[in-house]
Amino acid sequence: MKHLLHRIHSITDQFQTDGVVLDISGWLPKDPRHDLFNGLSQLIRNLQQRYEDYLIFGENGSDLHWSMIPFYHHGAHLKADHPFFTYCRTAYHLWQGAPGRGSTGVFEGGLNPYQALKVDNPAIPTLAIVQDTLSSHADEMEKVIDMSMKWGDRWLS
């Protein structure tokens, strides 16, 4: 944990970031040599003590994590009345394909057909931007921005 904490501190301090993405933070294999849950708890407590208003952004959390990590890129498929939304918020996952051919950019999935986002979904709208998104898909980007404004009226009011 010391190495990971040092890397997060270095990047946060050097680039003045407002938070950290803890990829696969919800994956807690049972390993008697390592207490991953307590290690994750300690890591988060340390970050919260060092940085004020620091966003902890997780992936694939479960109810075990909800009190520690308030924001995920997971769970966009959940219905609005799911208990998850009582405690946390989510954004669409990195696997969400970009307008056009559906590239997922850095996500290992490669391609995932683009699907328009919906106002009635409590997941925070996101937009994947890859090589041709700005030059070839400005119209779809405008639709996402317009939908995001409507989403905000519905879910943030």
Protein backbone atom coordinates (compact mmCIF):
# COMPACT_ATOMS: atom_id res chain seq x y z
CA MET A 1 0.00 0.00 0.00
CA LYS A 2 2.87 2.40 0.70
CA HIS A 3 3.95 2.32 -2.94
CA LEU A 4 0.42 2.99 -4.24
CA LEU A 5 -0.13 5.76 -1.72
CA HIS A 6 3.19 7.37 -2.67
CA ARG A 7 2.27 7.25 -6.39
CA ILE A 8 -1.14 8.81 -5.74
CA HIS A 9 0.44 11.55 -3.61
CA SER A 10 3.07 12.24 -6.28
CA ILE A 11 0.56 12.55 -9.10
CA THR A 12 -1.94 14.53 -7.04
CA ASP A 13 0.70 16.98 -5.81
CA GLN A 14 2.46 17.38 -9.16
CA PHE A 15 -0.65 17.80 -11.31
CA GLN A 16 -3.01 19.19 -8.65
CA THR A 17 -5.70 16.61 -9.37
CA ASP A 18 -8.99 16.67 -7.48
CA GLY A 19 -9.23 12.94 -6.96
CA VAL A 20 -8.20 9.45 -7.90
CA VAL A 21 -9.71 6.55 -9.83
CA LEU A 22 -9.22 3.30 -7.96
CA ASP A 23 -9.58 0.82 -10.79
CA ILE A 24 -11.17 -2.52 -9.88
CA SER A 25 -11.47 -1.34 -6.27
CA GLY A 26 -14.42 -3.67 -5.79
CA TRP A 27 -12.35 -6.77 -6.53
CA LEU A 28 -11.48 -8.30 -3.18
CA PRO A 29 -10.15 -11.82 -3.63
CA LYS A 30 -9.85 -13.90 -0.49
CA ASP A 31 -6.15 -14.04 0.22
CA PRO A 32 -5.04 -14.87 3.76
CA ARG A 33 -1.73 -13.05 3.16
CA HIS A 34 -3.38 -9.70 2.40
CA ASP A 35 -6.38 -7.96 3.93
CA LEU A 36 -7.44 -5.99 0.85
CA PHE A 37 -10.55 -4.45 2.40
CA ASN A 38 -8.67 -2.99 5.37
CA GLY A 39 -5.86 -1.90 3.06
CA LEU A 40 -8.35 -0.09 0.81
CA SER A 41 -9.98 1.51 3.87
CA GLN A 42 -6.61 2.70 5.15
CA LEU A 43 -5.63 4.06 1.72
CA ILE A 44 -8.86 6.05 1.44
CA ARG A 45 -8.61 7.40 5.01
CA ASN A 46 -5.06 8.56 4.33
CA LEU A 47 -6.11 10.36 1.13
CA GLN A 48 -9.06 12.03 2.84
CA GLN A 49 -6.84 13.22 5.69
CA ARG A 50 -4.23 14.67 3.34
CA TYR A 51 -6.53 16.26 0.74
CA GLU A 52 -9.67 18.27 1.42
CA ASP A 53 -12.66 17.53 -0.86
CA TYR A 54 -10.75 14.77 -2.65
CA LEU A 55 -12.89 12.62 -4.94
CA ILE A 56 -12.50 8.88 -4.58
CA PHE A 57 -13.81 7.26 -7.76
CA GLY A 58 -14.11 3.48 -7.73
CA GLU A 59 -15.11 0.64 -9.98
CA ASN A 60 -17.36 -2.37 -9.34
CA GLY A 61 -18.17 -1.54 -5.76
CA SER A 62 -20.59 -3.47 -3.63
CA ASP A 63 -22.48 -2.56 -0.48
CA LEU A 64 -19.28 -3.39 1.37
CA HIS A 65 -17.64 -0.31 -0.24
CA TRP A 66 -20.49 2.20 -0.34
CA SER A 67 -19.54 3.95 2.88
CA MET A 68 -15.95 4.50 1.67
CA ILE A 69 -16.32 5.26 -2.03
CA PRO A 70 -19.17 7.59 -3.03
CA PHE A 71 -18.71 7.53 -6.80
CA TYR A 72 -18.25 4.73 -9.34
CA HIS A 73 -18.03 4.09 -13.04
CA HIS A 74 -20.19 1.07 -12.64
CA GLY A 75 -23.85 0.48 -12.07
CA ALA A 76 -25.31 2.54 -14.93
CA HIS A 77 -27.52 -0.47 -15.64
CA LEU A 78 -29.19 -0.24 -12.22
CA LYS A 79 -32.74 1.03 -11.92
CA ALA A 80 -33.28 4.41 -10.23
CA ASP A 81 -34.80 2.84 -7.10
CA HIS A 82 -31.82 0.52 -6.46
CA PRO A 83 -30.36 0.95 -2.93
CA PHE A 84 -27.00 1.86 -4.50
CA PHE A 85 -28.31 5.35 -5.32
CA THR A 86 -29.18 6.03 -1.68
CA TYR A 87 -25.47 6.03 -0.86
CA CYS A 88 -23.52 6.53 -4.09
CA ARG A 89 -23.52 7.97 -7.57
CA THR A 90 -22.27 6.46 -10.77
CA ALA A 91 -21.18 7.50 -14.21
CA TYR A 92 -21.21 5.35 -17.30
CA HIS A 93 -18.33 2.88 -17.43
CA LEU A 94 -15.23 3.24 -19.60
CA TRP A 95 -16.55 0.44 -21.80
CA GLN A 96 -19.22 2.81 -23.14
CA GLY A 97 -18.36 3.14 -26.83
CA ALA A 98 -17.74 6.50 -28.48
CA PRO A 99 -20.03 7.85 -31.22
CA GLY A 100 -19.08 6.40 -34.58
CA ARG A 101 -17.51 2.97 -34.67
CA GLY A 102 -17.86 2.50 -30.90
CA SER A 103 -14.23 2.61 -29.83
CA THR A 104 -13.78 2.29 -26.08
CA GLY A 105 -10.47 4.15 -26.20
CA VAL A 106 -8.25 3.02 -23.33
CA PHE A 107 -10.60 0.30 -22.11
CA GLU A 108 -9.45 -3.18 -23.03
CA GLY A 109 -12.80 -4.04 -24.62
CA GLY A 110 -11.79 -2.32 -27.86
CA LEU A 111 -15.16 -1.78 -29.51
CA ASN A 112 -18.64 -1.48 -28.04
CA PRO A 113 -21.42 -0.09 -30.23
CA TYR A 114 -22.37 3.45 -29.23
CA GLN A 115 -25.67 3.75 -27.40
CA ALA A 116 -27.36 7.07 -26.78
CA LEU A 117 -27.57 7.96 -23.10
CA LYS A 118 -30.96 8.40 -21.43
CA VAL A 119 -32.37 11.12 -19.20
CA ASP A 120 -34.28 8.59 -17.09
CA ASN A 121 -31.09 6.79 -16.06
CA PRO A 122 -29.61 8.13 -12.78
CA ALA A 123 -26.06 7.45 -14.01
CA ILE A 124 -24.15 10.68 -14.68
CA PRO A 125 -23.85 11.09 -18.46
CA THR A 126 -20.39 10.67 -19.93
CA LEU A 127 -19.04 10.80 -23.44
CA ALA A 128 -16.16 8.73 -24.76
CA ILE A 129 -13.91 10.84 -26.99
CA VAL A 130 -11.50 9.08 -29.32
CA GLN A 131 -9.58 9.98 -32.46
CA ASP A 132 -12.52 10.86 -34.74
CA THR A 133 -15.13 11.98 -32.20
CA LEU A 134 -14.52 15.73 -32.45
CA SER A 135 -13.98 15.83 -36.19
CA SER A 136 -16.68 13.41 -37.33
CA HIS A 137 -19.35 13.21 -34.63
CA ALA A 138 -19.97 16.76 -33.41
CA ASP A 139 -23.71 16.34 -33.96
CA GLU A 140 -23.87 13.36 -31.59
CA MET A 141 -21.70 15.21 -29.06
CA GLU A 142 -24.23 18.08 -29.11
CA LYS A 143 -27.04 15.58 -28.44
CA VAL A 144 -25.14 14.21 -25.44
CA ILE A 145 -24.56 17.72 -24.09
CA ASP A 146 -28.24 18.62 -24.55
CA MET A 147 -29.32 15.37 -22.90
CA SER A 148 -26.89 16.02 -20.04
CA MET A 149 -28.51 19.38 -19.36
CA LYS A 150 -31.92 17.67 -19.22
CA TRP A 151 -30.42 14.96 -17.02
CA GLY A 152 -29.21 17.64 -14.60
CA ASP A 153 -32.66 19.22 -14.47
CA ARG A 154 -34.15 15.85 -13.57
CA TRP A 155 -31.58 14.38 -11.19
CA LEU A 156 -29.93 17.43 -9.58
CA SER A 157 -32.99 19.57 -8.92
